Protein backbone atom coordinates (compact mmCIF):
# COMPACT_ATOMS: atom_id res chain seq x y z
CA MET A 1 10.69 12.65 -23.40
CA PRO A 2 8.41 15.35 -21.92
CA LYS A 3 4.74 14.47 -21.66
CA PRO A 4 2.34 16.29 -24.01
CA ILE A 5 0.63 19.31 -22.48
CA ARG A 6 -3.16 19.36 -22.83
CA ILE A 7 -5.10 22.62 -23.04
CA GLU A 8 -8.48 22.74 -21.32
CA ALA A 9 -11.18 25.39 -21.31
CA SER A 10 -13.12 26.05 -18.11
CA VAL A 11 -16.73 26.20 -19.28
CA ALA A 12 -17.77 28.08 -16.12
CA CYS A 13 -15.96 31.10 -17.61
CA ALA A 14 -17.74 30.98 -20.98
CA ASN A 15 -20.32 33.51 -22.13
CA PHE A 16 -23.57 31.64 -21.51
CA ALA A 17 -25.51 34.15 -23.59
CA ALA A 18 -23.46 32.90 -26.54
CA LEU A 19 -22.48 29.43 -25.36
CA GLU A 20 -22.82 27.75 -28.72
CA SER A 21 -20.56 30.34 -30.34
CA ASP A 22 -17.95 29.94 -27.60
CA LEU A 23 -18.01 26.17 -27.91
CA ARG A 24 -17.57 26.31 -31.67
CA GLN A 25 -14.61 28.67 -31.26
CA LEU A 26 -13.07 26.35 -28.69
CA SER A 27 -13.56 23.44 -31.06
CA SER A 28 -12.04 25.21 -34.05
CA GLY A 29 -9.20 26.46 -31.84
CA GLY A 30 -8.33 22.91 -30.94
CA VAL A 31 -8.66 22.77 -27.16
CA ASP A 32 -8.15 19.25 -25.90
CA TYR A 33 -10.85 19.17 -23.20
CA LEU A 34 -13.75 21.11 -21.78
CA HIS A 35 -13.45 21.40 -18.01
CA ILE A 36 -16.83 21.18 -16.30
CA ASP A 37 -17.04 22.43 -12.70
CA ILE A 38 -19.97 21.10 -10.71
CA MET A 39 -20.48 22.67 -7.27
CA ASP A 40 -23.04 21.87 -4.61
CA GLY A 41 -23.08 24.88 -2.27
CA ARG A 42 -21.76 22.62 0.52
CA PHE A 43 -18.20 21.59 -0.28
CA VAL A 44 -17.81 25.09 -1.73
CA ASN A 45 -20.08 28.09 -1.20
CA ASN A 46 -21.19 28.48 -4.79
CA PHE A 47 -23.25 26.50 -7.27
CA CYS A 48 -21.88 26.02 -10.78
CA LEU A 49 -23.09 24.11 -13.84
CA ASP A 50 -24.90 20.77 -13.72
CA PHE A 51 -25.28 17.59 -15.68
CA SER A 52 -27.87 19.08 -18.03
CA ILE A 53 -25.22 21.57 -19.20
CA MET A 54 -22.98 18.64 -20.09
CA GLU A 55 -25.78 17.06 -22.10
CA THR A 56 -26.40 20.36 -23.89
CA ILE A 57 -22.71 20.69 -24.71
CA ARG A 58 -22.59 17.18 -26.10
CA GLY A 59 -25.34 18.17 -28.53
CA ILE A 60 -23.28 21.10 -29.81
CA CYS A 61 -19.71 19.83 -30.04
CA ASP A 62 -17.64 16.70 -29.53
CA ILE A 63 -14.77 18.09 -27.46
CA PRO A 64 -14.07 15.55 -24.69
CA MET A 65 -15.31 16.60 -21.26
CA ASP A 66 -13.36 16.56 -18.01
CA CYS A 67 -15.75 16.83 -15.08
CA HIS A 68 -14.59 18.21 -11.71
CA LEU A 69 -16.96 17.40 -8.85
CA MET A 70 -16.62 20.00 -6.10
CA ILE A 71 -19.29 18.35 -4.02
CA GLU A 72 -19.67 16.49 -0.73
CA GLU A 73 -20.01 12.72 -1.05
CA PRO A 74 -19.20 12.80 -4.78
CA GLU A 75 -19.78 9.06 -5.11
CA ARG A 76 -23.52 9.86 -5.19
CA TYR A 77 -23.14 11.47 -8.61
CA ILE A 78 -20.45 9.47 -10.36
CA GLY A 79 -22.93 7.52 -12.48
CA ARG A 80 -24.77 10.66 -13.56
CA ALA A 81 -21.56 12.47 -14.49
CA VAL A 82 -20.35 9.63 -16.66
CA ALA A 83 -23.79 9.20 -18.26
CA ALA A 84 -23.74 12.92 -19.11
CA GLY A 85 -20.50 12.49 -21.03
CA ALA A 86 -17.54 12.81 -18.63
CA GLU A 87 -14.43 11.11 -20.00
CA TRP A 88 -12.34 12.25 -17.04
CA LEU A 89 -13.96 12.52 -13.63
CA THR A 90 -12.25 14.12 -10.64
CA ILE A 91 -13.32 14.04 -7.02
CA HIS A 92 -11.81 15.89 -4.06
CA ILE A 93 -9.94 13.85 -1.50
CA GLU A 94 -11.30 16.24 1.16
CA ALA A 95 -14.92 15.62 0.13
CA THR A 96 -15.23 11.88 0.65
CA ARG A 97 -14.56 9.43 3.45
CA HIS A 98 -13.78 6.68 0.95
CA ALA A 99 -11.58 8.10 -1.80
CA GLN A 100 -10.33 4.75 -3.04
CA ARG A 101 -13.86 3.41 -3.36
CA GLY A 102 -14.97 6.51 -5.25
CA LEU A 103 -12.05 6.25 -7.67
CA GLN A 104 -12.85 2.61 -8.26
CA GLN A 105 -16.47 3.56 -8.98
CA ILE A 106 -15.33 6.08 -11.57
CA ARG A 107 -13.27 3.49 -13.40
CA GLU A 108 -16.07 0.92 -13.25
CA ALA A 109 -18.48 3.50 -14.68
CA GLY A 110 -16.21 3.95 -17.69
CA ALA A 111 -14.37 7.23 -16.99
CA ARG A 112 -10.76 8.00 -16.16
CA PRO A 113 -10.35 8.74 -12.43
CA GLY A 114 -8.73 11.84 -10.98
CA ILE A 115 -8.22 13.14 -7.47
CA ALA A 116 -8.12 16.83 -6.57
CA LEU A 117 -6.08 18.38 -3.77
CA ASN A 118 -7.00 21.70 -2.17
CA PRO A 119 -4.10 24.13 -1.66
CA ALA A 120 -3.49 23.09 1.97
CA THR A 121 -3.77 19.33 1.34
CA PRO A 122 -0.29 17.74 1.23
CA PRO A 123 0.85 15.51 -1.65
CA GLU A 124 1.51 12.74 0.88
CA SER A 125 -2.25 12.13 1.06
CA LEU A 126 -1.91 10.40 -2.32
CA HIS A 127 0.35 7.56 -1.14
CA TYR A 128 -2.28 4.86 -0.75
CA ILE A 129 -4.39 5.66 -3.81
CA LEU A 130 -1.64 5.97 -6.41
CA ASP A 131 -2.71 2.77 -8.15
CA ASP A 132 -6.27 4.10 -8.45
CA ILE A 133 -5.65 7.44 -10.17
CA GLU A 134 -4.81 8.61 -13.67
CA MET A 135 -4.70 12.30 -12.80
CA VAL A 136 -3.97 14.57 -9.85
CA THR A 137 -5.59 18.01 -9.89
CA VAL A 138 -3.47 20.52 -8.02
CA MET A 139 -5.73 23.38 -6.98
CA THR A 140 -3.67 26.57 -7.12
CA VAL A 141 -6.55 28.58 -5.66
CA ASN A 142 -9.17 27.59 -3.12
CA PRO A 143 -12.05 25.97 -5.00
CA GLY A 144 -15.40 27.59 -5.51
CA ALA A 145 -14.95 30.81 -7.49
CA VAL A 146 -13.39 32.03 -10.73
CA GLY A 147 -10.96 34.93 -11.04
CA GLN A 148 -8.90 34.26 -7.91
CA ARG A 149 -5.21 35.03 -7.47
CA LEU A 150 -2.68 32.24 -7.51
CA ILE A 151 -1.51 30.95 -4.13
CA PRO A 152 2.29 31.08 -4.69
CA ALA A 153 3.16 27.99 -2.61
CA THR A 154 1.03 25.80 -4.88
CA VAL A 155 3.45 26.18 -7.80
CA LYS A 156 6.13 24.33 -5.84
CA LYS A 157 3.45 21.82 -4.85
CA ILE A 158 3.05 20.88 -8.54
CA GLY A 159 6.69 19.84 -8.53
CA ASP A 160 6.29 17.99 -5.23
CA VAL A 161 3.43 15.98 -6.70
CA ARG A 162 5.42 15.27 -9.87
CA ARG A 163 8.36 13.93 -7.87
CA LEU A 164 6.10 11.79 -5.70
CA LEU A 165 4.51 10.26 -8.78
CA ASP A 166 7.80 9.69 -10.58
CA ASP A 167 9.60 8.29 -7.54
CA SER A 168 6.78 5.79 -6.92
CA GLY A 169 6.71 4.51 -10.50
CA HIS A 170 3.58 6.42 -11.53
CA GLU A 171 5.16 8.59 -14.20
CA ASN A 172 2.15 8.26 -16.50
CA VAL A 173 -0.25 9.95 -14.06
CA GLU A 174 -1.24 13.38 -15.36
CA ILE A 175 -0.97 16.54 -13.29
CA GLN A 176 -3.77 18.98 -13.94
CA VAL A 177 -3.51 22.54 -12.67
CA ASP A 178 -6.71 24.42 -11.87
CA GLY A 179 -6.74 28.06 -10.71
CA ASN A 180 -5.29 31.23 -12.25
CA VAL A 181 -3.69 29.34 -15.11
CA SER A 182 -2.66 32.64 -16.67
CA PHE A 183 -0.31 33.52 -19.49
CA ALA A 184 2.15 34.68 -16.83
CA ASN A 185 1.86 31.56 -14.65
CA ILE A 186 1.77 28.83 -17.29
CA PRO A 187 5.56 28.59 -17.88
CA ALA A 188 6.29 27.99 -14.20
CA MET A 189 3.47 25.45 -13.95
CA ILE A 190 4.82 23.49 -16.90
CA ALA A 191 8.36 23.69 -15.55
CA GLU A 192 7.15 22.07 -12.32
CA GLY A 193 5.51 19.20 -14.20
CA ALA A 194 1.94 20.19 -15.08
CA THR A 195 0.55 18.31 -18.08
CA MET A 196 -3.08 19.52 -18.19
CA LEU A 197 -3.87 23.24 -17.97
CA VAL A 198 -7.36 24.48 -17.09
CA GLY A 199 -7.68 27.93 -18.65
CA GLY A 200 -10.32 30.38 -17.48
CA THR A 201 -10.59 34.16 -17.29
CA SER A 202 -6.83 34.62 -17.06
CA SER A 203 -6.11 32.84 -20.36
CA ILE A 204 -8.64 31.06 -22.60
CA PHE A 205 -11.48 33.48 -21.76
CA HIS A 206 -9.30 36.55 -21.18
CA LYS A 207 -11.25 39.76 -21.72
CA ASP A 208 -8.54 41.24 -23.96
CA TYR A 209 -8.35 38.28 -26.36
CA SER A 210 -10.70 36.50 -28.70
CA ILE A 211 -11.01 32.81 -27.85
CA PRO A 212 -8.95 31.70 -30.90
CA ASP A 213 -6.20 34.22 -30.12
CA ALA A 214 -6.14 33.17 -26.48
CA ILE A 215 -5.81 29.51 -27.41
CA ASN A 216 -2.96 30.36 -29.76
CA ALA A 217 -1.23 32.35 -27.02
CA VAL A 218 -1.47 29.40 -24.64
CA ARG A 219 -0.27 27.02 -27.33
CA LYS A 220 2.82 29.17 -27.95
CA LEU A 221 3.67 28.95 -24.25
CA VAL A 222 3.18 25.19 -24.31
CA GLU A 223 5.08 24.49 -27.51
CA THR A 224 8.35 26.05 -26.43
CA PRO A 225 11.61 25.10 -28.19
CA GLY A 226 13.04 21.87 -26.83
CA ARG A 227 9.70 20.36 -25.79
CA ALA A 228 8.80 17.22 -27.69
CA GLN A 229 5.05 17.02 -28.21
């Protein structure tokens, strides 16, 4: 039976002049998670969001939060991220010397651990942390900025990660896709095994759609005939 596909909204792409309105539309539209990007200006060039934003969001709506730490030495902030409301917490394998320890810290802090792979990082880097993860984030663009074009080779990489997980007995590990998760790209991402879709300016916050209409458009792509949800 196919795994359920979860729809996420990338809060970095919201209209911060009307954040409460956007969050209420996301809630009424039924998105499964809010994706919170936290950047430090070191691991990536930009800065984006912070833990106070997460606390503000929690005061407005109760959509579960998935926090993506794009920061060097992410283990320094695991406790703060979970305290701010992260239910999922993802760190980059490229950003820490001790990935297994960081993943263990996430679980001990009370969140579900994920590991993110940059476009050029091979799936084989997961081999010795498979027992420590509940999600792999396949970056289909280089991290650090919204609105980028998909790197074509990363679509096949989704399938490579899925096969690695399945062949090693880790079928229940989720595959999240982050980067140009557009209406056009979603079907191929799902076909390769993606189970969590982070929608930004190319889908959930598309300039030509209202938020509810965009969510419905994504849901139609997800709920295709023959998929058991």
